[in-house]
Structure formats: C-alpha cells, structure tokens
Amino acid sequence: MPADAYVNGLQLSFIPDPLNCLNKLEKLLISVRIPLMKIIQLPKGNQRRFVGPCVSIPTDIEKTNNVLPRCDNEAELIRCKLKRKLEYKGYSQYEFVSRKKYAKEILDQHFDHIFCVAPGEGNTPVSMLQEEDNEGMSFPVQFPEGSFGSYDTKRLIPLTRSRYFHARLFSADSRFSSDTSYIFYAQYLSELEQRLRVKKTEHYLPGDHCILKSCLQHSVPLESLHIFATSKEIDSHKGKMIAKVCEVTETLMAQDYDRNPRTGELILKTSPYDSTHDYAD
C-alpha cells in the first residue's frame, strides 16, 4: 500500500452545512489556532507569496463570541475587522459576519458601526511543528471532527509532511486546494521542515557523531558544514541536536575562520572573534 493512499489515515469527514457556508473571516473566528503570515501581491502574473515567518496564535472563541453584539431583534449581518492587535489601524480581514451562522444567535442591527476583534491578542505563539493537532485546530472547516485525517493522525505506513500536503492539495476533494490560507500554510511548513532536516538528502548517520565531536577539538572539517542549516529560526533546534551528541559544546562563529585562497580550506584563527568586545574605530 502506498504511503499516500486514501486508506492510510487520509480519510476525511463530511463538512456539515453550518460550516460549509462560512466565509473566510467567519472561519478564522471559530478557529482555535490562527496561523498569521504576511502575504503580498507579486507585481506580475497575478500571484501571491508570503514574506517572513508564519506564527500560530491561540485564540479564545468564547471571548470573541461575547464581543459580537446580540439582542432580541432579528438582523442579518455585522461588519467585522480581524486584527492582530486592537490598537493597530491595519487589519488582516474585513468582511460581513453573520451572527446566525457564526453562533446561531440573533443580533442587533449595527451596520453603522464596525466591530474590531483580535482573538489572539496577548497570547503567546505556539510551535506549528511541535504542537500536536495544530493543523486540525487551525482549519476547523477542513477537519470538522478535529484531528481526524490530519497530518498528526497515526498511520500504518509513515508519511512525510511534503507527501501529505501533496496528497491533500491534489485530492479530488477541493476543500484544501480552494483555500488560499491552507496552501500557504502547507508551503511554509514544507519549507520549514526541509530547513530543519539534519542533512539535505540523508538522515542523521552514526558517522556524523565523530564529525561533530571533532569540531570541539580540532578545526572544523568541511564535511560538517552541511549538517546544520544557518537560518536563525532553527538555532534552538541546532543546539538541541548538538547537545544530544556532546555534553560539552563550544559556539563557533564565521568570523573565527579564514579561507585559504588557494585550497579553499577553512583555517581557525589564532585569536577567535569576540562579539562581546567593542573595538575602536
């Protein structure tokens, strides 16, 4: 059985009508986790791309539910802005929200007033890779039964994250491919996981233990330069991986080495660079 087979934990639940008729803003208001990213319009091709990191913010649905108005008079819609912080002038989403669809309650007619909500204000972002069921909590419409069918579902055959998102986006069920937020969510996690891989093409091998250990005693061999990435987002990950290999660690910077112009070999300087020392101009 292939790893991306439908019977290998990729089954999906039927989306009920109350969830299927929600617009983009209403989907965010009922999400337990909101993935926030900056998406810009490209100058050509009518395409978009995201800039910077993507963060997952925990939200309080009950708090958001109490902000929206309600009374005994029947009405249809309210204007609502979704912001990262209430004091900001900019907003992420601005649409009409139906109280009937959102909370199945009746609201007062407030078309002259715009309600601003920031469900994740004051909350600490959580790890999108380490938190279990983050995908199901971020997209409740795609996963109406929680984490059932998400990437964290236990499967008989292991499935990589890249192949999982490929199966979701190219599935006959268009609930994933029609959601722009999910497409960028899948792209970000796939690229982030590739940067976090110990090697580009292989897994961590026993021979890498000797290479990393030699870095603490001798000059850094060229074979060890490809083991870890250099992105600032994964400094903590690199530290944890090195701590598993060696009990005593030493921080080495690029300024500590010179490259031989003839051979290209990296040579450790006699006096390592000290970032805490201020030199005179």
C-alpha atoms as a PDB file:
ATOM      1  CA  MET A   1       0.000   0.000   0.000  1.00  0.00           C
ATOM      2  CA  PRO A   2       1.449   3.429  -0.898  1.00  0.00           C
ATOM      3  CA  ALA A   3       2.113   5.842   1.948  1.00  0.00           C
ATOM      4  CA  ASP A   4      -0.219   8.457   0.454  1.00  0.00           C
ATOM      5  CA  ALA A   5      -3.086   6.012  -0.099  1.00  0.00           C
ATOM      6  CA  TYR A   6      -6.531   7.159   0.982  1.00  0.00           C
ATOM      7  CA  VAL A   7      -6.928   4.261   3.421  1.00  0.00           C
ATOM      8  CA  ASN A   8      -3.658   5.158   5.149  1.00  0.00           C
ATOM      9  CA  GLY A   9      -5.267   7.648   7.533  1.00  0.00           C
ATOM     10  CA  LEU A  10      -6.216  10.204   4.879  1.00  0.00           C
ATOM     11  CA  GLN A  11      -9.967   9.766   5.206  1.00  0.00           C
ATOM     12  CA  LEU A  12     -11.961  12.966   5.669  1.00  0.00           C
ATOM     13  CA  SER A  13     -15.265  13.685   7.348  1.00  0.00           C
ATOM     14  CA  PHE A  14     -18.227  15.273   5.633  1.00  0.00           C
ATOM     15  CA  ILE A  15     -18.409  19.052   6.101  1.00  0.00           C
ATOM     16  CA  PRO A  16     -21.785  19.980   7.634  1.00  0.00           C
ATOM     17  CA  ASP A  17     -23.824  22.794   6.118  1.00  0.00           C
ATOM     18  CA  PRO A  18     -23.287  25.262   9.043  1.00  0.00           C
ATOM     19  CA  LEU A  19     -19.520  25.095   8.380  1.00  0.00           C
ATOM     20  CA  ASN A  20     -19.668  24.862   4.607  1.00  0.00           C
ATOM     21  CA  CYS A  21     -21.406  28.242   4.228  1.00  0.00           C
ATOM     22  CA  LEU A  22     -18.913  30.268   6.311  1.00  0.00           C
ATOM     23  CA  ASN A  23     -16.811  32.959   4.660  1.00  0.00           C
ATOM     24  CA  LYS A  24     -13.091  33.457   5.216  1.00  0.00           C
ATOM     25  CA  LEU A  25     -13.414  35.710   8.264  1.00  0.00           C
ATOM     26  CA  GLU A  26     -16.013  33.508   9.924  1.00  0.00           C
ATOM     27  CA  LYS A  27     -13.703  30.521   9.531  1.00  0.00           C
ATOM     28  CA  LEU A  28     -10.984  32.394  11.406  1.00  0.00           C
ATOM     29  CA  LEU A  29     -13.338  33.376  14.213  1.00  0.00           C
ATOM     30  CA  ILE A  30     -14.140  29.736  15.016  1.00  0.00           C
ATOM     31  CA  SER A  31     -10.508  28.557  14.803  1.00  0.00           C
ATOM     32  CA  VAL A  32      -8.716  27.569  17.995  1.00  0.00           C
ATOM     33  CA  ARG A  33      -5.392  28.432  16.323  1.00  0.00           C
ATOM     34  CA  ILE A  34      -4.948  31.232  13.788  1.00  0.00           C
ATOM     35  CA  PRO A  35      -1.893  30.988  11.506  1.00  0.00           C
ATOM     36  CA  LEU A  36      -0.727  34.548  10.808  1.00  0.00           C
ATOM     37  CA  MET A  37       1.537  35.352   7.884  1.00  0.00           C
ATOM     38  CA  LYS A  38       2.223  38.330   5.650  1.00  0.00           C
ATOM     39  CA  ILE A  39       1.034  37.693   2.084  1.00  0.00           C
ATOM     40  CA  ILE A  40       1.889  40.201  -0.649  1.00  0.00           C
ATOM     41  CA  GLN A  41       0.819  40.557  -4.272  1.00  0.00           C
ATOM     42  CA  LEU A  42       3.530  39.935  -6.845  1.00  0.00           C
ATOM     43  CA  PRO A  43       3.969  42.660  -9.494  1.00  0.00           C
ATOM     44  CA  LYS A  44       3.386  40.258 -12.402  1.00  0.00           C
ATOM     45  CA  GLY A  45       1.336  37.170 -13.018  1.00  0.00           C
ATOM     46  CA  ASN A  46      -1.418  37.992 -10.507  1.00  0.00           C
ATOM     47  CA  GLN A  47       0.235  35.681  -7.980  1.00  0.00           C
ATOM     48  CA  ARG A  48       0.960  35.980  -4.272  1.00  0.00           C
ATOM     49  CA  ARG A  49       3.715  34.999  -1.896  1.00  0.00           C
ATOM     50  CA  PHE A  50       4.284  35.131   1.853  1.00  0.00           C
ATOM     51  CA  VAL A  51       7.048  37.169   3.484  1.00  0.00           C
ATOM     52  CA  GLY A  52       8.630  36.431   6.835  1.00  0.00           C
ATOM     53  CA  PRO A  53       7.740  33.711   9.334  1.00  0.00           C
ATOM     54  CA  CYS A  54       4.322  32.219   9.991  1.00  0.00           C
ATOM     55  CA  VAL A  55       3.143  32.120  13.609  1.00  0.00           C
ATOM     56  CA  SER A  56       0.292  30.158  15.174  1.00  0.00           C
ATOM     57  CA  ILE A  57      -1.689  32.165  17.743  1.00  0.00           C
ATOM     58  CA  PRO A  58      -4.024  30.513  20.296  1.00  0.00           C
ATOM     59  CA  THR A  59      -7.467  32.124  20.449  1.00  0.00           C
ATOM     60  CA  ASP A  60     -10.348  32.238  22.897  1.00  0.00           C
ATOM     61  CA  ILE A  61     -13.556  31.526  20.990  1.00  0.00           C
ATOM     62  CA  GLU A  62     -15.782  32.373  23.948  1.00  0.00           C
ATOM     63  CA  LYS A  63     -14.156  35.793  24.275  1.00  0.00           C
ATOM     64  CA  THR A  64     -14.723  36.511  20.589  1.00  0.00           C
ATOM     65  CA  ASN A  65     -18.299  35.294  20.854  1.00  0.00           C
ATOM     66  CA  ASN A  66     -19.017  37.753  23.661  1.00  0.00           C
ATOM     67  CA  VAL A  67     -17.644  40.709  21.670  1.00  0.00           C
ATOM     68  CA  LEU A  68     -20.140  40.401  18.832  1.00  0.00           C
ATOM     69  CA  PRO A  69     -23.477  42.106  19.613  1.00  0.00           C
ATOM     70  CA  ARG A  70     -26.761  40.295  20.179  1.00  0.00           C
ATOM     71  CA  CYS A  71     -30.302  41.141  21.279  1.00  0.00           C
ATOM     72  CA  ASP A  72     -33.880  40.066  20.675  1.00  0.00           C
ATOM     73  CA  ASN A  73     -34.239  41.880  17.360  1.00  0.00           C
ATOM     74  CA  GLU A  74     -33.604  39.821  14.259  1.00  0.00           C
ATOM     75  CA  ALA A  75     -30.933  41.054  11.865  1.00  0.00           C
ATOM     76  CA  GLU A  76     -28.617  39.670   9.234  1.00  0.00           C
ATOM     77  CA  LEU A  77     -25.016  40.882   9.203  1.00  0.00           C
ATOM     78  CA  ILE A  78     -22.443  42.933  11.073  1.00  0.00           C
ATOM     79  CA  ARG A  79     -19.226  44.460   9.768  1.00  0.00           C
ATOM     80  CA  CYS A  80     -16.185  42.988  11.472  1.00  0.00           C
ATOM     81  CA  LYS A  81     -12.428  43.563  11.224  1.00  0.00           C
ATOM     82  CA  LEU A  82      -9.912  40.945  12.292  1.00  0.00           C
ATOM     83  CA  LYS A  83      -6.726  42.492  13.710  1.00  0.00           C
ATOM     84  CA  ARG A  84      -3.554  41.237  15.278  1.00  0.00           C
ATOM     85  CA  LYS A  85      -3.949  43.868  17.976  1.00  0.00           C
ATOM     86  CA  LEU A  86      -6.897  46.139  18.675  1.00  0.00           C
ATOM     87  CA  GLU A  87      -4.762  49.295  18.816  1.00  0.00           C
ATOM     88  CA  TYR A  88      -3.473  48.722  15.274  1.00  0.00           C
ATOM     89  CA  LYS A  89      -5.113  50.602  12.419  1.00  0.00           C
ATOM     90  CA  GLY A  90      -4.416  47.869   9.887  1.00  0.00           C
ATOM     91  CA  TYR A  91      -6.374  44.634   9.758  1.00  0.00           C
ATOM     92  CA  SER A  92      -5.994  41.151   8.315  1.00  0.00           C
ATOM     93  CA  GLN A  93      -9.598  40.535   7.237  1.00  0.00           C
ATOM     94  CA  TYR A  94     -12.613  42.816   6.813  1.00  0.00           C
ATOM     95  CA  GLU A  95     -15.927  41.204   5.907  1.00  0.00           C
ATOM     96  CA  PHE A  96     -19.546  40.912   6.920  1.00  0.00           C
ATOM     97  CA  VAL A  97     -20.163  38.282   9.593  1.00  0.00           C
ATOM     98  CA  SER A  98     -23.480  36.523  10.051  1.00  0.00           C
ATOM     99  CA  ARG A  99     -24.274  36.001  13.685  1.00  0.00           C
ATOM    100  CA  LYS A 100     -26.735  33.271  12.796  1.00  0.00           C
ATOM    101  CA  LYS A 101     -24.080  31.245  11.016  1.00  0.00           C
ATOM    102  CA  TYR A 102     -21.309  32.031  13.480  1.00  0.00           C
ATOM    103  CA  ALA A 103     -23.011  31.342  16.799  1.00  0.00           C
ATOM    104  CA  LYS A 104     -26.627  30.542  15.871  1.00  0.00           C
ATOM    105  CA  GLU A 105     -27.834  33.542  17.852  1.00  0.00           C
ATOM    106  CA  ILE A 106     -29.742  36.726  16.979  1.00  0.00           C
ATOM    107  CA  LEU A 107     -28.039  40.106  16.905  1.00  0.00           C
ATOM    108  CA  ASP A 108     -28.890  43.773  16.812  1.00  0.00           C
ATOM    109  CA  GLN A 109     -28.549  45.674  13.537  1.00  0.00           C
ATOM    110  CA  HIS A 110     -25.290  47.645  13.725  1.00  0.00           C
ATOM    111  CA  PHE A 111     -24.455  48.442  10.107  1.00  0.00           C
ATOM    112  CA  ASP A 112     -23.191  51.926  11.067  1.00  0.00           C
ATOM    113  CA  HIS A 113     -20.543  50.530  13.410  1.00  0.00           C
ATOM    114  CA  ILE A 114     -17.537  48.329  12.664  1.00  0.00           C
ATOM    115  CA  PHE A 115     -16.611  45.803  15.326  1.00  0.00           C
ATOM    116  CA  CYS A 116     -12.887  45.122  15.685  1.00  0.00           C
ATOM    117  CA  VAL A 117     -11.801  41.806  17.164  1.00  0.00           C
ATOM    118  CA  ALA A 118      -8.320  40.476  17.966  1.00  0.00           C
ATOM    119  CA  PRO A 119      -8.826  36.863  19.124  1.00  0.00           C
ATOM    120  CA  GLY A 120      -5.118  36.187  19.639  1.00  0.00           C
ATOM    121  CA  GLU A 121      -4.112  39.439  21.342  1.00  0.00           C
ATOM    122  CA  GLY A 122      -1.911  38.860  24.378  1.00  0.00           C
ATOM    123  CA  ASN A 123      -1.408  35.143  23.676  1.00  0.00           C
ATOM    124  CA  THR A 124       1.973  33.515  23.161  1.00  0.00           C
ATOM    125  CA  PRO A 125       2.552  31.870  19.763  1.00  0.00           C
ATOM    126  CA  VAL A 126       2.870  28.094  19.764  1.00  0.00           C
ATOM    127  CA  SER A 127       5.111  25.870  17.670  1.00  0.00           C
ATOM    128  CA  MET A 128       3.430  24.760  14.466  1.00  0.00           C
ATOM    129  CA  LEU A 129       5.680  21.714  14.128  1.00  0.00           C
ATOM    130  CA  GLN A 130       5.810  20.533  17.732  1.00  0.00           C
ATOM    131  CA  GLU A 131       2.202  21.123  18.767  1.00  0.00           C
ATOM    132  CA  GLU A 132       0.040  18.096  18.081  1.00  0.00           C
ATOM    133  CA  ASP A 133      -3.175  18.615  16.095  1.00  0.00           C
ATOM    134  CA  ASN A 134      -2.176  22.163  15.115  1.00  0.00           C
ATOM    135  CA  GLU A 135      -3.481  21.625  11.602  1.00  0.00           C
ATOM    136  CA  GLY A 136      -6.912  20.499  12.784  1.00  0.00           C
ATOM    137  CA  MET A 137      -7.224  23.431  15.194  1.00  0.00           C
ATOM    138  CA  SER A 138      -6.143  25.945  12.528  1.00  0.00           C
ATOM    139  CA  PHE A 139      -8.608  24.727   9.883  1.00  0.00           C
ATOM    140  CA  PRO A 140     -11.810  23.525  11.585  1.00  0.00           C
ATOM    141  CA  VAL A 141     -13.804  23.583   8.342  1.00  0.00           C
ATOM    142  CA  GLN A 142     -11.451  21.160   6.586  1.00  0.00           C
ATOM    143  CA  PHE A 143     -11.365  18.939   9.681  1.00  0.00           C
ATOM    144  CA  PRO A 144     -14.830  19.122  11.269  1.00  0.00           C
ATOM    145  CA  GLU A 145     -14.021  16.214  13.611  1.00  0.00           C
ATOM    146  CA  GLY A 146     -10.801  17.684  14.946  1.00  0.00           C
ATOM    147  CA  SER A 147      -7.528  15.996  14.078  1.00  0.00           C
ATOM    148  CA  PHE A 148      -9.157  13.065  12.247  1.00  0.00           C
ATOM    149  CA  GLY A 149      -7.419  12.848   8.880  1.00  0.00           C
ATOM    150  CA  SER A 150      -4.774  15.493   9.640  1.00  0.00           C
ATOM    151  CA  TYR A 151      -1.014  15.033   9.457  1.00  0.00           C
ATOM    152  CA  ASP A 152      -0.805  14.010  13.146  1.00  0.00           C
ATOM    153  CA  THR A 153      -3.143  11.056  12.610  1.00  0.00           C
ATOM    154  CA  LYS A 154      -1.463   7.732  13.401  1.00  0.00           C
ATOM    155  CA  ARG A 155      -0.900   5.738  10.214  1.00  0.00           C
ATOM    156  CA  LEU A 156       0.173   2.213   9.399  1.00  0.00           C
ATOM    157  CA  ILE A 157       2.769   3.479   6.913  1.00  0.00           C
ATOM    158  CA  PRO A 158       4.751   6.640   7.818  1.00  0.00           C
ATOM    159  CA  LEU A 159       4.012   9.616   5.607  1.00  0.00           C
ATOM    160  CA  THR A 160       6.294  12.602   5.195  1.00  0.00           C
ATOM    161  CA  ARG A 161       4.885  16.075   5.536  1.00  0.00           C
ATOM    162  CA  SER A 162       5.654  17.005   1.935  1.00  0.00           C
ATOM    163  CA  ARG A 163       3.859  13.961   0.529  1.00  0.00           C
ATOM    164  CA  TYR A 164       0.972  14.547   2.913  1.00  0.00           C
ATOM    165  CA  PHE A 165       0.397  18.110   1.702  1.00  0.00           C
ATOM    166  CA  HIS A 166       0.854  16.975  -1.899  1.00  0.00           C
ATOM    167  CA  ALA A 167      -1.904  14.399  -1.425  1.00  0.00           C
ATOM    168  CA  ARG A 168      -4.198  16.973   0.172  1.00  0.00           C
ATOM    169  CA  LEU A 169      -3.750  19.704  -2.424  1.00  0.00           C
ATOM    170  CA  PHE A 170      -4.102  17.350  -5.398  1.00  0.00           C
ATOM    171  CA  SER A 171      -7.009  15.408  -3.947  1.00  0.00           C
ATOM    172  CA  ALA A 172     -10.384  15.220  -5.668  1.00  0.00           C
ATOM    173  CA  ASP A 173     -11.822  16.898  -2.573  1.00  0.00           C
ATOM    174  CA  SER A 174     -11.317  20.619  -3.218  1.00  0.00           C
ATOM    175  CA  ARG A 175     -11.649  21.721   0.405  1.00  0.00           C
ATOM    176  CA  PHE A 176      -7.866  22.151   0.610  1.00  0.00           C
ATOM    177  CA  SER A 177      -6.918  23.386  -2.858  1.00  0.00           C
ATOM    178  CA  SER A 178      -9.652  26.047  -2.808  1.00  0.00           C
ATOM    179  CA  ASP A 179      -8.417  27.574   0.472  1.00  0.00           C
ATOM    180  CA  THR A 180      -5.579  30.046  -0.119  1.00  0.00           C
ATOM    181  CA  SER A 181      -4.643  30.119   3.563  1.00  0.00           C
ATOM    182  CA  TYR A 182      -4.170  26.361   3.634  1.00  0.00           C
ATOM    183  CA  ILE A 183      -1.963  26.459   0.524  1.00  0.00           C
ATOM    184  CA  PHE A 184       0.431  28.962   2.114  1.00  0.00           C
ATOM    185  CA  TYR A 185       0.220  27.056   5.409  1.00  0.00           C
ATOM    186  CA  ALA A 186       1.310  23.866   3.644  1.00  0.00           C
ATOM    187  CA  GLN A 187       4.064  25.648   1.726  1.00  0.00           C
ATOM    188  CA  TYR A 188       5.519  27.241   4.854  1.00  0.00           C
ATOM    189  CA  LEU A 189       5.586  24.018   6.883  1.00  0.00           C
ATOM    190  CA  SER A 190       7.083  22.051   3.997  1.00  0.00           C
ATOM    191  CA  GLU A 191       9.904  24.564   3.513  1.00  0.00           C
ATOM    192  CA  LEU A 192      10.469  24.866   7.265  1.00  0.00           C
ATOM    193  CA  GLU A 193      10.776  21.108   7.645  1.00  0.00           C
ATOM    194  CA  GLN A 194      13.323  20.991   4.838  1.00  0.00           C
ATOM    195  CA  ARG A 195      15.467  23.577   6.638  1.00  0.00           C
ATOM    196  CA  LEU A 196      15.212  21.586   9.849  1.00  0.00           C
ATOM    197  CA  ARG A 197      16.408  18.355   8.286  1.00  0.00           C
ATOM    198  CA  VAL A 198      19.784  17.250   9.569  1.00  0.00           C
ATOM    199  CA  LYS A 199      21.005  16.676   6.028  1.00  0.00           C
ATOM    200  CA  LYS A 200      19.629  17.606   2.651  1.00  0.00           C
ATOM    201  CA  THR A 201      19.408  14.086   1.242  1.00  0.00           C
ATOM    202  CA  GLU A 202      20.070  11.740   4.178  1.00  0.00           C
ATOM    203  CA  HIS A 203      19.115  11.199   7.778  1.00  0.00           C
ATOM    204  CA  TYR A 204      21.460  11.621  10.712  1.00  0.00           C
ATOM    205  CA  LEU A 205      24.129   8.911  10.456  1.00  0.00           C
ATOM    206  CA  PRO A 206      26.326   7.410  13.192  1.00  0.00           C
ATOM    207  CA  GLY A 207      29.383   8.779  11.388  1.00  0.00           C
ATOM    208  CA  ASP A 208      28.179  12.322  11.975  1.00  0.00           C
ATOM    209  CA  HIS A 209      28.786  11.798  15.695  1.00  0.00           C
ATOM    210  CA  CYS A 210      32.543  11.691  15.124  1.00  0.00           C
ATOM    211  CA  ILE A 211      32.436  14.684  12.780  1.00  0.00           C
ATOM    212  CA  LEU A 212      30.590  16.867  15.258  1.00  0.00           C
ATOM    213  CA  LYS A 213      32.735  15.733  18.152  1.00  0.00           C
ATOM    214  CA  SER A 214      35.904  16.596  16.241  1.00  0.00           C
ATOM    215  CA  CYS A 215      34.616  20.155  15.804  1.00  0.00           C
ATOM    216  CA  LEU A 216      35.152  20.722  19.517  1.00  0.00           C
ATOM    217  CA  GLN A 217      38.768  19.528  19.486  1.00  0.00           C
ATOM    218  CA  HIS A 218      40.207  20.378  16.066  1.00  0.00           C
ATOM    219  CA  SER A 219      39.493  22.604  13.106  1.00  0.00           C
ATOM    220  CA  VAL A 220      36.026  22.233  11.675  1.00  0.00           C
ATOM    221  CA  PRO A 221      36.086  19.717   8.786  1.00  0.00           C
ATOM    222  CA  LEU A 222      34.353  20.698   5.589  1.00  0.00           C
ATOM    223  CA  GLU A 223      32.043  17.660   5.826  1.00  0.00           C
ATOM    224  CA  SER A 224      30.361  19.092   8.911  1.00  0.00           C
ATOM    225  CA  LEU A 225      29.324  22.362   7.293  1.00  0.00           C
ATOM    226  CA  HIS A 226      26.296  20.828   5.578  1.00  0.00           C
ATOM    227  CA  ILE A 227      24.901  19.035   8.621  1.00  0.00           C
ATOM    228  CA  PHE A 228      23.055  22.013  10.037  1.00  0.00           C
ATOM    229  CA  ALA A 229      21.364  24.928   8.327  1.00  0.00           C
ATOM    230  CA  THR A 230      22.244  28.546   9.101  1.00  0.00           C
ATOM    231  CA  SER A 231      18.779  30.075   9.482  1.00  0.00           C
ATOM    232  CA  LYS A 232      18.225  31.999  12.708  1.00  0.00           C
ATOM    233  CA  GLU A 233      14.830  30.360  13.144  1.00  0.00           C
ATOM    234  CA  ILE A 234      16.420  26.989  13.926  1.00  0.00           C
ATOM    235  CA  ASP A 235      19.250  27.997  16.274  1.00  0.00           C
ATOM    236  CA  SER A 236      17.476  26.328  19.161  1.00  0.00           C
ATOM    237  CA  HIS A 237      16.993  23.174  17.106  1.00  0.00           C
ATOM    238  CA  LYS A 238      20.689  23.010  16.275  1.00  0.00           C
ATOM    239  CA  GLY A 239      21.593  23.446  19.928  1.00  0.00           C
ATOM    240  CA  LYS A 240      19.372  20.565  20.976  1.00  0.00           C
ATOM    241  CA  MET A 241      20.782  18.265  18.301  1.00  0.00           C
ATOM    242  CA  ILE A 242      24.377  19.080  19.268  1.00  0.00           C
ATOM    243  CA  ALA A 243      23.572  18.609  22.970  1.00  0.00           C
ATOM    244  CA  LYS A 244      22.436  15.056  22.219  1.00  0.00           C
ATOM    245  CA  VAL A 245      25.811  14.279  20.652  1.00  0.00           C
ATOM    246  CA  CYS A 246      28.251  16.000  23.020  1.00  0.00           C
ATOM    247  CA  GLU A 247      27.927  17.082  26.612  1.00  0.00           C
ATOM    248  CA  VAL A 248      30.428  19.944  26.246  1.00  0.00           C
ATOM    249  CA  THR A 249      29.763  22.383  23.417  1.00  0.00           C
ATOM    250  CA  GLU A 250      31.521  25.452  22.064  1.00  0.00           C
ATOM    251  CA  THR A 251      29.967  28.208  19.975  1.00  0.00           C
ATOM    252  CA  LEU A 252      31.889  28.924  16.774  1.00  0.00           C
ATOM    253  CA  MET A 253      31.234  31.909  14.544  1.00  0.00           C
ATOM    254  CA  ALA A 254      32.040  32.583  10.908  1.00  0.00           C
ATOM    255  CA  GLN A 255      34.461  35.309  11.987  1.00  0.00           C
ATOM    256  CA  ASP A 256      36.599  32.657  13.718  1.00  0.00           C
ATOM    257  CA  TYR A 257      37.776  31.199  10.395  1.00  0.00           C
ATOM    258  CA  ASP A 258      39.730  32.313   7.349  1.00  0.00           C
ATOM    259  CA  ARG A 259      39.516  30.619   3.950  1.00  0.00           C
ATOM    260  CA  ASN A 260      42.727  29.649   2.194  1.00  0.00           C
ATOM    261  CA  PRO A 261      42.650  31.483  -1.172  1.00  0.00           C
ATOM    262  CA  ARG A 262      44.407  28.596  -2.957  1.00  0.00           C
ATOM    263  CA  THR A 263      42.779  25.487  -1.497  1.00  0.00           C
ATOM    264  CA  GLY A 264      39.557  26.962  -0.120  1.00  0.00           C
ATOM    265  CA  GLU A 265      40.161  25.230   3.220  1.00  0.00           C
ATOM    266  CA  LEU A 266      38.791  26.855   6.368  1.00  0.00           C
ATOM    267  CA  ILE A 267      41.506  27.629   8.931  1.00  0.00           C
ATOM    268  CA  LEU A 268      40.799  28.553  12.541  1.00  0.00           C
ATOM    269  CA  LYS A 269      42.234  31.910  13.567  1.00  0.00           C
ATOM    270  CA  THR A 270      44.765  32.070  16.377  1.00  0.00           C
ATOM    271  CA  SER A 271      42.663  34.710  18.172  1.00  0.00           C
ATOM    272  CA  PRO A 272      38.945  33.880  17.757  1.00  0.00           C
ATOM    273  CA  TYR A 273      36.491  36.684  17.186  1.00  0.00           C
ATOM    274  CA  ASP A 274      34.882  38.016  20.376  1.00  0.00           C
ATOM    275  CA  SER A 275      31.434  39.502  19.691  1.00  0.00           C
ATOM    276  CA  THR A 276      31.239  40.988  23.197  1.00  0.00           C
ATOM    277  CA  HIS A 277      34.334  43.167  22.723  1.00  0.00           C
ATOM    278  CA  ASP A 278      33.922  46.636  21.265  1.00  0.00           C
ATOM    279  CA  TYR A 279      36.759  47.722  19.006  1.00  0.00           C
ATOM    280  CA  ALA A 280      37.684  51.340  18.431  1.00  0.00           C
ATOM    281  CA  ASP A 281      37.054  52.867  15.029  1.00  0.00           C
END
